[in-house]
Each structure stands twice: as structure tokens, then as C-alpha cells.
Amino acid sequence: MINRASMIDEVQSRVANAFALSRSELLSRSRRRPVALARQVAMYLCRDLAQRSGGRSRWASFPRIGIAFARDHSSVIHACHVVTERRARDRGLAELLDELTRELRPATPLIAEGGAE
């Protein structure tokens, strides 16, 4: 079974790779636009994949995602809003999100309600 930490780690690694960043850059305090966008995409995908896997997966609550990214839960909420809005008007971002979701989704159904912690 895939637990919360390994799924979030996988999202972080794949997003960092897609944006040509290291995982440490993704998790850094940097506010440079490319780093911030990649971080927001990763937080969005963590939340989105959890909702697609049943909607109530505890591993992807706003506070838990925030902890995984060394951020506050409100940063995760903001990231989800920003990416949702940008996806609607940025075809390139929408295609990237679709591609990352396809890559990550095969692992997601293995996460049980409340998942291993």
C-alpha cells in the first residue's frame, strides 16, 4: 500500500522533474516565479489526486500537504485556487497537469481511506 509520505514524495519528485528543478529547490523558501509555480502545481496535484481517489483521503488534507511542503495550510489553499484559475486560461499548464495526473494516477487508487501513516 502506498502511504501519504510516499505519494507526496512521488508528486514532489515528478513535478520537480517536469519543471527542471531539484526536489530541494521545489521545497525551498524561494519565491522565484518558476519555483513558486512548480510548488503550487505539486500542492494542487496532491490535493487533486486525493480527491480523485475517493475524496476523503486524510493524507491530502490542506494541513498535511502544508507540512510536507513546509508551508501553512492557507498556502496550500491559495495554491489550489491559483492553479485552478491558471489552468482554465493556460493550455500549456492544463496539458502538463493532465500528463502528470496520468503518470501519478495509477498509484492513487491504492491509497485506502485514512491510508497508512
Protein backbone atom coordinates (compact mmCIF):
# COMPACT_ATOMS: atom_id res chain seq x y z
CA MET A 1 0.00 0.00 0.00
CA ILE A 2 1.22 3.50 -0.75
CA ASN A 3 1.24 5.78 2.24
CA ARG A 4 0.85 9.52 2.50
CA ALA A 5 4.56 10.27 2.59
CA SER A 6 5.47 8.17 -0.43
CA MET A 7 2.63 9.57 -2.56
CA ILE A 8 3.53 13.16 -1.71
CA ASP A 9 7.21 12.34 -2.32
CA GLU A 10 6.30 10.95 -5.73
CA VAL A 11 4.28 14.06 -6.63
CA GLN A 12 7.13 16.31 -5.49
CA SER A 13 9.71 14.36 -7.49
CA ARG A 14 7.69 14.25 -10.70
CA VAL A 15 6.74 17.92 -10.55
CA ALA A 16 10.32 18.96 -9.81
CA ASN A 17 11.46 16.91 -12.81
CA ALA A 18 8.76 18.39 -15.06
CA PHE A 19 9.89 21.92 -14.13
CA ALA A 20 13.61 21.05 -14.36
CA LEU A 21 14.14 21.70 -10.66
CA SER A 22 15.68 19.65 -7.89
CA ARG A 23 13.34 18.45 -5.19
CA SER A 24 15.21 20.63 -2.69
CA GLU A 25 14.56 23.69 -4.90
CA LEU A 26 10.87 22.79 -5.04
CA LEU A 27 10.75 22.61 -1.24
CA SER A 28 12.89 25.69 -0.68
CA ARG A 29 11.67 29.08 0.54
CA SER A 30 12.34 30.56 -2.91
CA ARG A 31 9.68 32.85 -4.30
CA ARG A 32 11.12 32.92 -7.81
CA ARG A 33 8.20 32.57 -10.19
CA PRO A 34 9.19 29.20 -11.77
CA VAL A 35 9.87 27.65 -8.35
CA ALA A 36 6.68 29.05 -6.81
CA LEU A 37 4.57 27.82 -9.72
CA ALA A 38 6.09 24.34 -9.55
CA ARG A 39 5.44 24.20 -5.81
CA GLN A 40 1.84 25.33 -6.31
CA VAL A 41 1.35 22.69 -9.02
CA ALA A 42 2.69 19.99 -6.70
CA MET A 43 0.39 21.04 -3.85
CA TYR A 44 -2.55 21.19 -6.25
CA LEU A 45 -1.80 17.70 -7.57
CA CYS A 46 -1.54 16.23 -4.08
CA ARG A 47 -4.99 17.55 -3.28
CA ASP A 48 -6.49 16.72 -6.67
CA LEU A 49 -5.21 13.14 -6.71
CA ALA A 50 -6.56 12.52 -3.22
CA GLN A 51 -9.98 13.82 -4.22
CA ARG A 52 -9.98 11.62 -7.32
CA SER A 53 -9.15 8.60 -5.17
CA GLY A 54 -12.23 8.94 -3.03
CA GLY A 55 -12.42 12.49 -1.84
CA ARG A 56 -11.75 11.94 1.82
CA SER A 57 -8.17 10.71 1.94
CA ARG A 58 -6.64 12.07 5.10
CA TRP A 59 -3.13 12.07 3.61
CA ALA A 60 -4.06 15.06 1.48
CA SER A 61 -5.76 17.44 3.88
CA PHE A 62 -4.63 21.04 3.50
CA PRO A 63 -2.64 20.93 6.77
CA ARG A 64 -0.88 17.65 5.89
CA ILE A 65 0.10 18.87 2.44
CA GLY A 66 1.31 22.10 4.02
CA ILE A 67 3.54 20.17 6.41
CA ALA A 68 5.02 18.17 3.52
CA PHE A 69 5.96 21.43 1.78
CA ALA A 70 6.98 23.31 4.96
CA ARG A 71 4.08 25.70 4.42
CA ASP A 72 0.91 26.69 6.22
CA HIS A 73 -2.42 25.16 5.18
CA SER A 74 -3.50 28.55 3.84
CA SER A 75 -0.63 28.41 1.32
CA VAL A 76 -2.00 25.11 0.05
CA ILE A 77 -5.50 26.55 -0.29
CA HIS A 78 -4.06 29.52 -2.18
CA ALA A 79 -2.02 27.21 -4.44
CA CYS A 80 -5.11 25.18 -5.33
CA HIS A 81 -7.03 28.35 -6.24
CA VAL A 82 -4.15 29.79 -8.28
CA VAL A 83 -3.57 26.59 -10.25
CA THR A 84 -7.29 26.04 -10.84
CA GLU A 85 -7.68 29.55 -12.25
CA ARG A 86 -4.48 29.42 -14.28
CA ARG A 87 -5.35 26.01 -15.70
CA ALA A 88 -8.55 27.44 -17.19
CA ARG A 89 -6.65 30.02 -19.24
CA ASP A 90 -3.23 28.40 -19.82
CA ARG A 91 -3.44 25.47 -22.24
CA GLY A 92 0.20 24.50 -21.68
CA LEU A 93 -0.31 24.25 -17.94
CA ALA A 94 -3.54 22.31 -18.42
CA GLU A 95 -1.73 19.80 -20.65
CA LEU A 96 1.12 19.46 -18.15
CA LEU A 97 -1.34 18.86 -15.31
CA ASP A 98 -3.17 16.24 -17.37
CA GLU A 99 0.10 14.50 -18.18
CA LEU A 100 1.29 14.50 -14.56
CA THR A 101 -2.10 13.27 -13.39
CA ARG A 102 -1.96 10.36 -15.86
CA GLU A 103 1.55 9.47 -14.65
CA LEU A 104 0.62 9.65 -10.98
CA ARG A 105 -2.91 8.30 -11.05
CA PRO A 106 -2.10 4.57 -11.34
CA ALA A 107 -0.68 4.71 -7.81
CA THR A 108 -3.52 6.72 -6.30
CA PRO A 109 -6.28 4.05 -6.06
CA LEU A 110 -4.04 2.01 -3.78
CA ILE A 111 -4.43 4.58 -1.04
CA ALA A 112 -7.09 3.40 1.36
CA GLU A 113 -9.34 5.72 3.30
CA GLY A 114 -7.19 7.11 6.04
CA GLY A 115 -4.11 5.48 4.39
CA ALA A 116 -1.09 4.17 6.20
CA GLU A 117 0.62 6.92 8.08
